[in-house]
N, C-alpha and C. Protein backbone atom coordinates (compact mmCIF):
# COMPACT_ATOMS: atom_id res chain seq x y z
N MET A 1 102.37 75.51 92.58
CA MET A 1 102.77 76.86 92.88
C MET A 1 102.12 77.22 94.21
N ALA A 2 102.88 77.84 95.08
CA ALA A 2 102.37 78.28 96.36
C ALA A 2 101.97 79.74 96.26
N ILE A 3 100.82 80.06 96.83
CA ILE A 3 100.30 81.42 96.81
C ILE A 3 99.97 81.82 98.25
N ARG A 4 100.40 82.99 98.64
CA ARG A 4 100.03 83.52 99.96
C ARG A 4 99.29 84.83 99.74
N LEU A 5 98.05 84.86 100.17
CA LEU A 5 97.25 86.08 100.11
C LEU A 5 97.34 86.78 101.45
N THR A 6 97.56 88.07 101.42
CA THR A 6 97.60 88.87 102.65
C THR A 6 96.28 89.63 102.74
N LEU A 7 95.56 89.39 103.81
CA LEU A 7 94.27 90.02 104.01
C LEU A 7 94.38 91.01 105.16
N VAL A 8 93.89 92.24 104.94
CA VAL A 8 93.94 93.26 105.98
C VAL A 8 92.51 93.73 106.24
N ASN A 9 92.10 93.66 107.49
CA ASN A 9 90.79 94.15 107.89
C ASN A 9 90.86 95.67 107.89
N PRO A 10 90.08 96.36 107.04
CA PRO A 10 90.17 97.82 106.95
C PRO A 10 89.73 98.54 108.23
N GLU A 11 88.92 97.89 109.04
CA GLU A 11 88.45 98.54 110.27
C GLU A 11 89.43 98.37 111.43
N THR A 12 90.02 97.19 111.55
CA THR A 12 90.89 96.92 112.70
C THR A 12 92.37 96.94 112.35
N GLY A 13 92.68 96.81 111.06
CA GLY A 13 94.07 96.74 110.64
C GLY A 13 94.68 95.36 110.86
N GLU A 14 93.88 94.42 111.36
CA GLU A 14 94.36 93.06 111.61
C GLU A 14 94.79 92.41 110.28
N VAL A 15 95.96 91.79 110.30
CA VAL A 15 96.50 91.13 109.11
C VAL A 15 96.38 89.63 109.28
N SER A 16 95.88 88.96 108.24
CA SER A 16 95.85 87.50 108.25
C SER A 16 96.32 87.01 106.89
N TYR A 17 96.69 85.76 106.84
CA TYR A 17 97.24 85.18 105.62
C TYR A 17 96.42 83.96 105.21
N LEU A 18 96.31 83.78 103.91
CA LEU A 18 95.63 82.63 103.36
C LEU A 18 96.60 81.96 102.40
N ASP A 19 97.06 80.77 102.77
CA ASP A 19 98.00 80.04 101.93
C ASP A 19 97.23 79.05 101.06
N GLN A 20 97.62 78.99 99.78
CA GLN A 20 96.99 78.07 98.84
C GLN A 20 98.06 77.42 97.99
N ILE A 21 97.75 76.24 97.53
CA ILE A 21 98.61 75.54 96.59
C ILE A 21 97.80 75.41 95.30
N ALA A 22 98.40 75.80 94.17
CA ALA A 22 97.72 75.72 92.88
C ALA A 22 98.58 74.89 91.93
N ASP A 23 97.93 73.94 91.26
CA ASP A 23 98.62 73.18 90.22
C ASP A 23 98.66 74.01 88.94
N PHE A 24 99.72 73.85 88.17
CA PHE A 24 99.80 74.59 86.91
C PHE A 24 98.74 74.14 85.92
N ASP A 25 98.13 72.99 86.15
CA ASP A 25 97.07 72.53 85.26
C ASP A 25 95.78 73.31 85.49
N GLU A 26 95.69 74.01 86.63
CA GLU A 26 94.49 74.78 86.93
C GLU A 26 94.43 76.04 86.07
N ASN A 27 93.25 76.60 85.96
CA ASN A 27 93.06 77.87 85.28
C ASN A 27 93.77 78.95 86.10
N LEU A 28 94.66 79.69 85.47
CA LEU A 28 95.42 80.70 86.18
C LEU A 28 94.76 82.08 86.14
N PHE A 29 93.52 82.15 85.66
CA PHE A 29 92.79 83.42 85.61
C PHE A 29 92.65 83.98 87.02
N ARG A 30 93.16 85.19 87.20
CA ARG A 30 93.06 85.85 88.50
C ARG A 30 92.52 87.25 88.27
N PRO A 31 91.22 87.45 88.50
CA PRO A 31 90.63 88.76 88.23
C PRO A 31 91.02 89.80 89.28
N LEU A 32 91.07 91.05 88.82
CA LEU A 32 91.24 92.15 89.77
C LEU A 32 89.94 92.29 90.55
N VAL A 33 90.04 92.59 91.82
CA VAL A 33 88.84 92.60 92.66
C VAL A 33 88.24 93.98 92.86
N GLU A 34 88.98 95.04 92.47
CA GLU A 34 88.40 96.38 92.60
C GLU A 34 89.15 97.34 91.70
N GLY A 35 88.54 98.48 91.47
CA GLY A 35 89.20 99.53 90.69
C GLY A 35 89.13 99.29 89.19
N TYR A 36 90.02 99.99 88.48
CA TYR A 36 90.05 99.88 87.02
C TYR A 36 90.28 98.43 86.63
N GLY A 37 89.51 97.94 85.71
CA GLY A 37 89.66 96.57 85.23
C GLY A 37 89.07 95.53 86.16
N GLU A 38 88.24 95.95 87.09
CA GLU A 38 87.64 95.01 88.03
C GLU A 38 87.00 93.84 87.28
N GLY A 39 87.33 92.64 87.69
CA GLY A 39 86.79 91.44 87.06
C GLY A 39 87.63 90.94 85.90
N GLU A 40 88.55 91.75 85.41
CA GLU A 40 89.42 91.35 84.31
C GLU A 40 90.66 90.65 84.84
N ASP A 41 91.24 89.80 84.01
CA ASP A 41 92.49 89.13 84.39
C ASP A 41 93.57 90.19 84.58
N ALA A 42 94.26 90.13 85.70
CA ALA A 42 95.29 91.13 86.03
C ALA A 42 96.34 91.25 84.93
N ARG A 43 96.70 90.14 84.32
CA ARG A 43 97.72 90.19 83.26
C ARG A 43 97.26 91.02 82.07
N ASP A 44 95.97 90.95 81.74
CA ASP A 44 95.44 91.74 80.63
C ASP A 44 95.47 93.23 80.96
N VAL A 45 95.11 93.56 82.19
CA VAL A 45 95.11 94.97 82.61
C VAL A 45 96.54 95.51 82.65
N PHE A 46 97.47 94.71 83.16
CA PHE A 46 98.87 95.14 83.20
C PHE A 46 99.42 95.32 81.79
N GLU A 47 99.07 94.41 80.88
CA GLU A 47 99.51 94.53 79.49
C GLU A 47 98.98 95.82 78.86
N GLU A 48 97.72 96.12 79.13
CA GLU A 48 97.12 97.36 78.63
C GLU A 48 97.87 98.58 79.16
N ALA A 49 98.22 98.56 80.44
CA ALA A 49 98.95 99.67 81.04
C ALA A 49 100.34 99.82 80.42
N ILE A 50 101.02 98.72 80.22
CA ILE A 50 102.36 98.76 79.62
C ILE A 50 102.27 99.29 78.19
N ASN A 51 101.28 98.83 77.44
CA ASN A 51 101.10 99.32 76.07
C ASN A 51 100.82 100.82 76.05
N TRP A 52 100.00 101.29 77.00
CA TRP A 52 99.70 102.71 77.08
C TRP A 52 100.98 103.50 77.34
N TRP A 53 101.80 103.04 78.31
CA TRP A 53 103.06 103.73 78.61
C TRP A 53 103.99 103.73 77.41
N GLU A 54 104.06 102.62 76.70
CA GLU A 54 104.92 102.57 75.51
C GLU A 54 104.48 103.60 74.46
N ARG A 55 103.16 103.72 74.27
CA ARG A 55 102.65 104.73 73.32
C ARG A 55 102.97 106.14 73.79
N GLU A 56 102.76 106.41 75.08
CA GLU A 56 103.03 107.73 75.62
C GLU A 56 104.51 108.10 75.51
N LEU A 57 105.38 107.15 75.86
CA LEU A 57 106.82 107.41 75.78
C LEU A 57 107.27 107.61 74.34
N ALA A 58 106.69 106.86 73.41
CA ALA A 58 107.03 107.03 71.99
C ALA A 58 106.60 108.42 71.52
N ALA A 59 105.43 108.88 71.96
CA ALA A 59 104.96 110.22 71.58
C ALA A 59 105.87 111.30 72.15
N ILE A 60 106.33 111.11 73.38
CA ILE A 60 107.26 112.07 73.99
C ILE A 60 108.58 112.08 73.23
N ASP A 61 109.10 110.90 72.90
CA ASP A 61 110.35 110.82 72.13
C ASP A 61 110.22 111.51 70.77
N LYS A 62 109.07 111.28 70.12
CA LYS A 62 108.84 111.90 68.81
C LYS A 62 108.81 113.42 68.93
N GLU A 63 108.07 113.92 69.91
CA GLU A 63 107.97 115.37 70.11
C GLU A 63 109.34 115.96 70.46
N LEU A 64 110.10 115.28 71.27
CA LEU A 64 111.42 115.76 71.65
C LEU A 64 112.35 115.82 70.44
N SER A 65 112.30 114.79 69.60
CA SER A 65 113.18 114.83 68.42
C SER A 65 112.79 115.94 67.46
N ILE A 66 111.49 116.22 67.35
CA ILE A 66 111.03 117.33 66.50
C ILE A 66 111.54 118.66 67.05
N ARG A 67 111.42 118.84 68.35
CA ARG A 67 111.85 120.11 68.98
C ARG A 67 113.36 120.28 68.89
N LEU A 68 114.11 119.20 68.99
CA LEU A 68 115.58 119.31 68.93
C LEU A 68 116.07 119.63 67.54
N ARG A 69 115.30 119.30 66.50
CA ARG A 69 115.68 119.60 65.12
C ARG A 69 115.47 121.06 64.78
N ARG A 70 114.70 121.78 65.55
CA ARG A 70 114.41 123.18 65.25
C ARG A 70 115.60 124.07 65.47
């Protein structure tokens, strides 16, 4: 698998690229480097976010159906 990382220098705005080749036999763990979930595998954080949205949307649907029955 080919991976291209885009690096941006926050002070100069200079953009550079880092190309890597990864075999599928390698560990695919890719931690988030900053913010919520820092250090956690990005897939786990994304799954948590999707699950949260599914719960929120289900709660909205439930409330809407209750209000429409009134």
